[in-house]
Amino acid sequence: MSVVLGTAQREQAGSDSYNRFEYQAHWIVYHIINQLEKKPKCIVFCEFHDDMAQLADGDGSQFEFYQIKTKEDNDDWSVSELSKREKRKNGSYKKSFLGFIFYNFLKFGDECSCCHFVSNNNYDLDVRTWQSYIEDNKCLADENIKLYDKIKARIKDEYADNIPSNFDEIYDKFIQKTFIYQSELQLSTYEDQVSGMFFKQLADKRIPINTANVIFQQIVNDVRIKSKEKISPPISFRSLVEKKGIKI
């Protein structure tokens, strides 16, 4: 069985406010609309191991995992903030955002092709430098060893109690296949932005506006429902699609 389908989901507290949850749901709808033009034969899974996962159709397909986070202040995300660990009430620590992304590569191996971190806010110089190299398919270790080692030290410290024997190999895949970017959706206007994008997509389809609005609301509600649906792995792929998936 697939490791992804057979692994219990990590602790997921979900969005800590209505607005954060709605932003996440609308970003998934925004992503689906974009994918209609780019990669229609794929399946999006809502709140499956991460805020969202995507699987292309076909044998041997790999999962992509997405974290969708919001910030109400205007501060740029930094490496230290992305790797900051929150303390639980029992004294233990949760994994950081980057720590959870590293976990996907560690746990799922070849079934994980890449990971994404998406936010309404921008990123500081270190994060943008990291991303500028990997987006051009350049090796961060060759281009900026200081930054490569800085991020590596944060991840290694987070996994100090249980460092895998192939840590360096996993880290190299993590550093080259983790894509971090700012969403076009603003925290104050994301609902209007997504609905406007949807109606623009249907502009030449001659669909009545009332019908188009019903379709849009159905998609948003489907994402909301499937984001909250609880599952207990191991699970069949058919059941996963039924409970958590949206086919594009």
C-alpha atoms as a PDB file:
ATOM      1  CA  MET A   1       0.000   0.000   0.000  1.00  0.00           C
ATOM      2  CA  SER A   2       1.044   3.578  -0.616  1.00  0.00           C
ATOM      3  CA  VAL A   3       2.837   5.101   2.383  1.00  0.00           C
ATOM      4  CA  VAL A   4       0.759   8.260   1.956  1.00  0.00           C
ATOM      5  CA  LEU A   5      -2.523   6.298   2.091  1.00  0.00           C
ATOM      6  CA  GLY A   6      -1.375   4.115   4.985  1.00  0.00           C
ATOM      7  CA  THR A   7       0.028   6.795   7.287  1.00  0.00           C
ATOM      8  CA  ALA A   8      -2.061   8.331  10.056  1.00  0.00           C
ATOM      9  CA  GLN A   9      -2.326  12.064   9.652  1.00  0.00           C
ATOM     10  CA  ARG A  10      -0.051  14.113  11.862  1.00  0.00           C
ATOM     11  CA  GLU A  11      -1.593  16.373  14.451  1.00  0.00           C
ATOM     12  CA  GLN A  12      -3.547  19.020  12.608  1.00  0.00           C
ATOM     13  CA  ALA A  13      -5.188  21.674  14.715  1.00  0.00           C
ATOM     14  CA  GLY A  14      -6.605  23.311  11.604  1.00  0.00           C
ATOM     15  CA  SER A  15      -7.090  27.019  11.130  1.00  0.00           C
ATOM     16  CA  ASP A  16      -7.378  28.896  14.399  1.00  0.00           C
ATOM     17  CA  SER A  17      -9.994  31.349  13.191  1.00  0.00           C
ATOM     18  CA  TYR A  18     -12.921  31.534  10.811  1.00  0.00           C
ATOM     19  CA  ASN A  19     -11.083  33.961   8.531  1.00  0.00           C
ATOM     20  CA  ARG A  20      -7.989  31.761   8.299  1.00  0.00           C
ATOM     21  CA  PHE A  21     -10.115  28.721   7.446  1.00  0.00           C
ATOM     22  CA  GLU A  22     -12.066  30.654   4.818  1.00  0.00           C
ATOM     23  CA  TYR A  23      -8.857  32.024   3.299  1.00  0.00           C
ATOM     24  CA  GLN A  24      -7.504  28.490   3.048  1.00  0.00           C
ATOM     25  CA  ALA A  25     -10.734  27.184   1.483  1.00  0.00           C
ATOM     26  CA  HIS A  26     -10.856  30.017  -1.049  1.00  0.00           C
ATOM     27  CA  TRP A  27      -7.167  29.576  -1.910  1.00  0.00           C
ATOM     28  CA  ILE A  28      -7.878  25.917  -2.731  1.00  0.00           C
ATOM     29  CA  VAL A  29     -10.754  27.018  -5.002  1.00  0.00           C
ATOM     30  CA  TYR A  30      -8.411  29.612  -6.549  1.00  0.00           C
ATOM     31  CA  HIS A  31      -5.866  26.836  -7.160  1.00  0.00           C
ATOM     32  CA  ILE A  32      -8.517  24.592  -8.746  1.00  0.00           C
ATOM     33  CA  ILE A  33      -9.563  27.373 -11.137  1.00  0.00           C
ATOM     34  CA  ASN A  34      -5.921  27.906 -12.148  1.00  0.00           C
ATOM     35  CA  GLN A  35      -5.389  24.186 -12.647  1.00  0.00           C
ATOM     36  CA  LEU A  36      -8.321  23.970 -15.072  1.00  0.00           C
ATOM     37  CA  GLU A  37      -6.087  25.652 -17.639  1.00  0.00           C
ATOM     38  CA  LYS A  38      -2.725  24.192 -16.605  1.00  0.00           C
ATOM     39  CA  LYS A  39      -3.205  20.593 -15.456  1.00  0.00           C
ATOM     40  CA  PRO A  40      -6.835  19.443 -15.626  1.00  0.00           C
ATOM     41  CA  LYS A  41      -6.166  15.749 -14.981  1.00  0.00           C
ATOM     42  CA  CYS A  42      -5.377  15.853 -11.290  1.00  0.00           C
ATOM     43  CA  ILE A  43      -7.058  15.472  -7.901  1.00  0.00           C
ATOM     44  CA  VAL A  44      -6.912  17.950  -5.028  1.00  0.00           C
ATOM     45  CA  PHE A  45      -7.249  16.646  -1.468  1.00  0.00           C
ATOM     46  CA  CYS A  46      -8.419  19.045   1.253  1.00  0.00           C
ATOM     47  CA  GLU A  47      -6.655  18.773   4.644  1.00  0.00           C
ATOM     48  CA  PHE A  48      -4.789  15.577   3.872  1.00  0.00           C
ATOM     49  CA  HIS A  49      -1.424  15.432   5.687  1.00  0.00           C
ATOM     50  CA  ASP A  50      -1.188  19.165   5.004  1.00  0.00           C
ATOM     51  CA  ASP A  51      -3.638  21.961   4.248  1.00  0.00           C
ATOM     52  CA  MET A  52      -3.869  20.583   0.712  1.00  0.00           C
ATOM     53  CA  ALA A  53      -2.360  17.782  -1.361  1.00  0.00           C
ATOM     54  CA  GLN A  54      -2.444  17.239  -5.101  1.00  0.00           C
ATOM     55  CA  LEU A  55      -1.992  14.110  -7.174  1.00  0.00           C
ATOM     56  CA  ALA A  56      -1.728  13.989 -10.963  1.00  0.00           C
ATOM     57  CA  ASP A  57      -3.621  11.211 -12.731  1.00  0.00           C
ATOM     58  CA  GLY A  58      -1.654   8.212 -13.961  1.00  0.00           C
ATOM     59  CA  ASP A  59       0.413   5.332 -12.645  1.00  0.00           C
ATOM     60  CA  GLY A  60       3.441   6.238 -10.572  1.00  0.00           C
ATOM     61  CA  SER A  61       2.141   9.710  -9.767  1.00  0.00           C
ATOM     62  CA  GLN A  62       3.586  11.593  -6.828  1.00  0.00           C
ATOM     63  CA  PHE A  63       1.902  13.844  -4.281  1.00  0.00           C
ATOM     64  CA  GLU A  64       2.545  17.555  -3.883  1.00  0.00           C
ATOM     65  CA  PHE A  65       1.798  18.990  -0.437  1.00  0.00           C
ATOM     66  CA  TYR A  66       0.731  22.559   0.345  1.00  0.00           C
ATOM     67  CA  GLN A  67       0.750  24.632   3.532  1.00  0.00           C
ATOM     68  CA  ILE A  68      -1.492  27.698   3.248  1.00  0.00           C
ATOM     69  CA  LYS A  69      -0.854  30.240   6.005  1.00  0.00           C
ATOM     70  CA  THR A  70      -1.940  33.798   6.708  1.00  0.00           C
ATOM     71  CA  LYS A  71      -0.427  36.704   8.631  1.00  0.00           C
ATOM     72  CA  GLU A  72      -2.370  39.775   9.684  1.00  0.00           C
ATOM     73  CA  ASP A  73       0.729  41.925  10.206  1.00  0.00           C
ATOM     74  CA  ASN A  74       2.916  43.146   7.353  1.00  0.00           C
ATOM     75  CA  ASP A  75       6.181  41.574   8.519  1.00  0.00           C
ATOM     76  CA  ASP A  76       7.987  39.405   6.012  1.00  0.00           C
ATOM     77  CA  TRP A  77       8.384  35.722   6.772  1.00  0.00           C
ATOM     78  CA  SER A  78      11.955  34.820   7.777  1.00  0.00           C
ATOM     79  CA  VAL A  79      13.797  31.496   8.018  1.00  0.00           C
ATOM     80  CA  SER A  80      13.705  31.769  11.810  1.00  0.00           C
ATOM     81  CA  GLU A  81       9.934  32.344  11.797  1.00  0.00           C
ATOM     82  CA  LEU A  82       9.278  29.519   9.334  1.00  0.00           C
ATOM     83  CA  SER A  83      11.315  27.205  11.558  1.00  0.00           C
ATOM     84  CA  LYS A  84       9.941  28.453  14.889  1.00  0.00           C
ATOM     85  CA  ARG A  85       8.464  25.737  17.099  1.00  0.00           C
ATOM     86  CA  GLU A  86       5.340  26.242  19.208  1.00  0.00           C
ATOM     87  CA  LYS A  87       5.307  24.812  22.717  1.00  0.00           C
ATOM     88  CA  ARG A  88       2.411  22.558  23.673  1.00  0.00           C
ATOM     89  CA  LYS A  89       0.706  22.626  27.071  1.00  0.00           C
ATOM     90  CA  ASN A  90       2.470  19.389  28.081  1.00  0.00           C
ATOM     91  CA  GLY A  91       5.876  20.981  27.501  1.00  0.00           C
ATOM     92  CA  SER A  92       6.691  19.263  24.209  1.00  0.00           C
ATOM     93  CA  TYR A  93       7.090  21.162  20.953  1.00  0.00           C
ATOM     94  CA  LYS A  94       5.209  21.012  17.676  1.00  0.00           C
ATOM     95  CA  LYS A  95       7.128  20.835  14.447  1.00  0.00           C
ATOM     96  CA  SER A  96       7.729  24.140  12.716  1.00  0.00           C
ATOM     97  CA  PHE A  97       6.336  24.938   9.267  1.00  0.00           C
ATOM     98  CA  LEU A  98       9.625  23.906   7.656  1.00  0.00           C
ATOM     99  CA  GLY A  99       9.851  20.943  10.012  1.00  0.00           C
ATOM    100  CA  PHE A 100       6.513  19.607   8.792  1.00  0.00           C
ATOM    101  CA  ILE A 101       7.591  20.063   5.181  1.00  0.00           C
ATOM    102  CA  PHE A 102      10.807  18.138   5.888  1.00  0.00           C
ATOM    103  CA  TYR A 103       8.646  15.418   7.478  1.00  0.00           C
ATOM    104  CA  ASN A 104       6.785  14.932   4.184  1.00  0.00           C
ATOM    105  CA  PHE A 105      10.046  14.176   2.364  1.00  0.00           C
ATOM    106  CA  LEU A 106      11.235  12.011   5.270  1.00  0.00           C
ATOM    107  CA  LYS A 107       8.049   9.970   5.682  1.00  0.00           C
ATOM    108  CA  PHE A 108       6.778   9.652   2.131  1.00  0.00           C
ATOM    109  CA  GLY A 109      10.060   9.351   0.237  1.00  0.00           C
ATOM    110  CA  ASP A 110       9.587   9.026  -3.514  1.00  0.00           C
ATOM    111  CA  GLU A 111       5.805   9.450  -3.156  1.00  0.00           C
ATOM    112  CA  CYS A 112       6.422  13.145  -2.372  1.00  0.00           C
ATOM    113  CA  SER A 113       7.581  15.103  -5.412  1.00  0.00           C
ATOM    114  CA  CYS A 114       7.668  18.574  -3.866  1.00  0.00           C
ATOM    115  CA  CYS A 115       6.140  20.806  -1.189  1.00  0.00           C
ATOM    116  CA  HIS A 116       4.761  24.340  -1.203  1.00  0.00           C
ATOM    117  CA  PHE A 117       4.375  27.051   1.420  1.00  0.00           C
ATOM    118  CA  VAL A 118       1.909  29.780   0.421  1.00  0.00           C
ATOM    119  CA  SER A 119       1.016  32.931   2.349  1.00  0.00           C
ATOM    120  CA  ASN A 120      -0.628  36.298   1.854  1.00  0.00           C
ATOM    121  CA  ASN A 121       2.601  37.931   3.106  1.00  0.00           C
ATOM    122  CA  ASN A 122       5.986  38.322   1.477  1.00  0.00           C
ATOM    123  CA  TYR A 123       9.363  36.867   2.569  1.00  0.00           C
ATOM    124  CA  ASP A 124      12.678  38.291   3.694  1.00  0.00           C
ATOM    125  CA  LEU A 125      15.950  38.367   1.747  1.00  0.00           C
ATOM    126  CA  ASP A 126      17.151  34.914   2.850  1.00  0.00           C
ATOM    127  CA  VAL A 127      13.933  33.159   1.818  1.00  0.00           C
ATOM    128  CA  ARG A 128      13.744  35.031  -1.485  1.00  0.00           C
ATOM    129  CA  THR A 129      17.409  34.223  -2.184  1.00  0.00           C
ATOM    130  CA  TRP A 130      16.798  30.513  -1.500  1.00  0.00           C
ATOM    131  CA  GLN A 131      13.796  30.500  -3.812  1.00  0.00           C
ATOM    132  CA  SER A 132      15.493  32.467  -6.590  1.00  0.00           C
ATOM    133  CA  TYR A 133      18.117  29.738  -6.978  1.00  0.00           C
ATOM    134  CA  ILE A 134      15.867  26.700  -6.891  1.00  0.00           C
ATOM    135  CA  GLU A 135      13.323  28.274  -9.241  1.00  0.00           C
ATOM    136  CA  ASP A 136      16.167  28.472 -11.781  1.00  0.00           C
ATOM    137  CA  ASN A 137      17.089  24.833 -11.040  1.00  0.00           C
ATOM    138  CA  LYS A 138      20.341  25.895  -9.383  1.00  0.00           C
ATOM    139  CA  CYS A 139      21.763  24.081  -6.363  1.00  0.00           C
ATOM    140  CA  LEU A 140      21.582  26.230  -3.225  1.00  0.00           C
ATOM    141  CA  ALA A 141      24.627  24.452  -1.732  1.00  0.00           C
ATOM    142  CA  ASP A 142      26.702  25.529  -4.735  1.00  0.00           C
ATOM    143  CA  GLU A 143      25.333  29.059  -4.974  1.00  0.00           C
ATOM    144  CA  ASN A 144      25.114  30.062  -1.290  1.00  0.00           C
ATOM    145  CA  ILE A 145      26.609  27.554   1.139  1.00  0.00           C
ATOM    146  CA  LYS A 146      26.132  29.910   4.099  1.00  0.00           C
ATOM    147  CA  LEU A 147      22.370  30.061   3.592  1.00  0.00           C
ATOM    148  CA  TYR A 148      22.255  26.319   2.825  1.00  0.00           C
ATOM    149  CA  ASP A 149      24.000  25.568   6.152  1.00  0.00           C
ATOM    150  CA  LYS A 150      21.853  28.080   8.067  1.00  0.00           C
ATOM    151  CA  ILE A 151      18.594  26.369   7.080  1.00  0.00           C
ATOM    152  CA  LYS A 152      20.153  22.927   7.540  1.00  0.00           C
ATOM    153  CA  ALA A 153      21.168  23.749  11.113  1.00  0.00           C
ATOM    154  CA  ARG A 154      17.586  24.760  11.951  1.00  0.00           C
ATOM    155  CA  ILE A 155      16.146  21.507  10.563  1.00  0.00           C
ATOM    156  CA  LYS A 156      18.841  19.352  12.165  1.00  0.00           C
ATOM    157  CA  ASP A 157      18.223  20.985  15.535  1.00  0.00           C
ATOM    158  CA  GLU A 158      14.487  20.325  15.205  1.00  0.00           C
ATOM    159  CA  TYR A 159      15.113  16.623  14.529  1.00  0.00           C
ATOM    160  CA  ALA A 160      18.002  16.295  16.994  1.00  0.00           C
ATOM    161  CA  ASP A 161      16.224  13.591  19.011  1.00  0.00           C
ATOM    162  CA  ASN A 162      15.577  11.404  15.978  1.00  0.00           C
ATOM    163  CA  ILE A 163      17.940  12.211  13.114  1.00  0.00           C
ATOM    164  CA  PRO A 164      17.516   9.733  10.243  1.00  0.00           C
ATOM    165  CA  SER A 165      20.636   8.030   8.908  1.00  0.00           C
ATOM    166  CA  ASN A 166      19.999   9.544   5.463  1.00  0.00           C
ATOM    167  CA  PHE A 167      19.363  13.058   6.807  1.00  0.00           C
ATOM    168  CA  ASP A 168      21.707  14.752   4.311  1.00  0.00           C
ATOM    169  CA  GLU A 169      20.009  13.085   1.337  1.00  0.00           C
ATOM    170  CA  ILE A 170      16.526  14.034   2.550  1.00  0.00           C
ATOM    171  CA  TYR A 171      17.631  17.577   3.369  1.00  0.00           C
ATOM    172  CA  ASP A 172      19.043  18.074  -0.131  1.00  0.00           C
ATOM    173  CA  LYS A 173      15.713  17.053  -1.654  1.00  0.00           C
ATOM    174  CA  PHE A 174      13.856  19.261   0.848  1.00  0.00           C
ATOM    175  CA  ILE A 175      15.979  22.320   0.088  1.00  0.00           C
ATOM    176  CA  GLN A 176      15.640  21.915  -3.703  1.00  0.00           C
ATOM    177  CA  LYS A 177      11.973  20.883  -3.825  1.00  0.00           C
ATOM    178  CA  THR A 178      10.334  23.238  -1.312  1.00  0.00           C
ATOM    179  CA  PHE A 179       8.686  26.167  -3.084  1.00  0.00           C
ATOM    180  CA  ILE A 180       7.760  29.226  -1.018  1.00  0.00           C
ATOM    181  CA  TYR A 181       5.768  32.076  -2.510  1.00  0.00           C
ATOM    182  CA  GLN A 182       3.293  34.848  -1.872  1.00  0.00           C
ATOM    183  CA  SER A 183      -0.306  34.345  -2.932  1.00  0.00           C
ATOM    184  CA  GLU A 184      -2.116  36.892  -5.062  1.00  0.00           C
ATOM    185  CA  LEU A 185      -5.061  36.651  -2.663  1.00  0.00           C
ATOM    186  CA  GLN A 186      -5.216  39.477  -0.146  1.00  0.00           C
ATOM    187  CA  LEU A 187      -6.500  38.782   3.350  1.00  0.00           C
ATOM    188  CA  SER A 188      -9.096  41.555   3.088  1.00  0.00           C
ATOM    189  CA  THR A 189     -10.422  40.784  -0.410  1.00  0.00           C
ATOM    190  CA  TYR A 190      -9.805  37.063  -1.091  1.00  0.00           C
ATOM    191  CA  GLU A 191     -13.518  36.184  -1.426  1.00  0.00           C
ATOM    192  CA  ASP A 192     -14.140  38.823  -4.100  1.00  0.00           C
ATOM    193  CA  GLN A 193     -10.888  37.963  -5.870  1.00  0.00           C
ATOM    194  CA  VAL A 194     -11.716  34.260  -6.164  1.00  0.00           C
ATOM    195  CA  SER A 195     -15.339  34.764  -7.207  1.00  0.00           C
ATOM    196  CA  GLY A 196     -14.271  37.372  -9.756  1.00  0.00           C
ATOM    197  CA  MET A 197     -11.701  34.979 -11.174  1.00  0.00           C
ATOM    198  CA  PHE A 198     -14.312  32.222 -11.410  1.00  0.00           C
ATOM    199  CA  PHE A 199     -16.855  34.368 -13.252  1.00  0.00           C
ATOM    200  CA  LYS A 200     -14.147  35.615 -15.613  1.00  0.00           C
ATOM    201  CA  GLN A 201     -13.314  31.991 -16.413  1.00  0.00           C
ATOM    202  CA  LEU A 202     -16.962  31.404 -17.398  1.00  0.00           C
ATOM    203  CA  ALA A 203     -17.376  34.649 -19.320  1.00  0.00           C
ATOM    204  CA  ASP A 204     -17.444  32.961 -22.735  1.00  0.00           C
ATOM    205  CA  LYS A 205     -19.452  29.902 -21.656  1.00  0.00           C
ATOM    206  CA  ARG A 206     -22.895  31.559 -21.894  1.00  0.00           C
ATOM    207  CA  ILE A 207     -23.862  30.370 -18.415  1.00  0.00           C
ATOM    208  CA  PRO A 208     -26.499  32.526 -16.655  1.00  0.00           C
ATOM    209  CA  ILE A 209     -25.030  34.522 -13.766  1.00  0.00           C
ATOM    210  CA  ASN A 210     -27.380  32.905 -11.231  1.00  0.00           C
ATOM    211  CA  THR A 211     -26.349  29.422 -12.363  1.00  0.00           C
ATOM    212  CA  ALA A 212     -22.670  30.370 -12.297  1.00  0.00           C
ATOM    213  CA  ASN A 213     -23.045  31.686  -8.749  1.00  0.00           C
ATOM    214  CA  VAL A 214     -24.683  28.417  -7.633  1.00  0.00           C
ATOM    215  CA  ILE A 215     -21.813  26.430  -9.163  1.00  0.00           C
ATOM    216  CA  PHE A 216     -19.234  28.634  -7.448  1.00  0.00           C
ATOM    217  CA  GLN A 217     -20.895  28.301  -4.042  1.00  0.00           C
ATOM    218  CA  GLN A 218     -21.101  24.521  -4.495  1.00  0.00           C
ATOM    219  CA  ILE A 219     -17.358  24.319  -5.148  1.00  0.00           C
ATOM    220  CA  VAL A 220     -16.522  26.473  -2.114  1.00  0.00           C
ATOM    221  CA  ASN A 221     -18.858  24.449   0.121  1.00  0.00           C
ATOM    222  CA  ASP A 222     -17.414  21.191  -1.209  1.00  0.00           C
ATOM    223  CA  VAL A 223     -13.927  22.368  -0.220  1.00  0.00           C
ATOM    224  CA  ARG A 224     -15.175  23.417   3.237  1.00  0.00           C
ATOM    225  CA  ILE A 225     -16.890  20.062   3.843  1.00  0.00           C
ATOM    226  CA  LYS A 226     -13.993  17.958   2.610  1.00  0.00           C
ATOM    227  CA  SER A 227     -11.512  20.019   4.635  1.00  0.00           C
ATOM    228  CA  LYS A 228     -13.399  19.106   7.800  1.00  0.00           C
ATOM    229  CA  GLU A 229     -14.036  15.442   6.882  1.00  0.00           C
ATOM    230  CA  LYS A 230     -12.241  13.050   9.265  1.00  0.00           C
ATOM    231  CA  ILE A 231     -10.543   9.924   7.959  1.00  0.00           C
ATOM    232  CA  SER A 232      -8.674   7.054   9.587  1.00  0.00           C
ATOM    233  CA  PRO A 233      -5.781   5.664   7.511  1.00  0.00           C
ATOM    234  CA  PRO A 234      -5.043   3.162   6.164  1.00  0.00           C
ATOM    235  CA  ILE A 235      -7.637   4.111   3.594  1.00  0.00           C
ATOM    236  CA  SER A 236      -8.358   3.003   0.033  1.00  0.00           C
ATOM    237  CA  PHE A 237      -7.682   5.475  -2.741  1.00  0.00           C
ATOM    238  CA  ARG A 238     -11.357   5.340  -3.786  1.00  0.00           C
ATOM    239  CA  SER A 239     -12.519   6.247  -0.269  1.00  0.00           C
ATOM    240  CA  LEU A 240      -9.910   8.989  -0.019  1.00  0.00           C
ATOM    241  CA  VAL A 241     -11.160  10.588  -3.222  1.00  0.00           C
ATOM    242  CA  GLU A 242     -14.748  10.333  -2.028  1.00  0.00           C
ATOM    243  CA  LYS A 243     -14.089  11.865   1.390  1.00  0.00           C
ATOM    244  CA  LYS A 244     -11.279  14.350   0.758  1.00  0.00           C
ATOM    245  CA  GLY A 245     -10.821  14.693  -2.996  1.00  0.00           C
ATOM    246  CA  ILE A 246     -11.972  17.019  -5.741  1.00  0.00           C
ATOM    247  CA  LYS A 247     -11.270  15.858  -9.289  1.00  0.00           C
ATOM    248  CA  ILE A 248     -10.209  18.561 -11.718  1.00  0.00           C
END
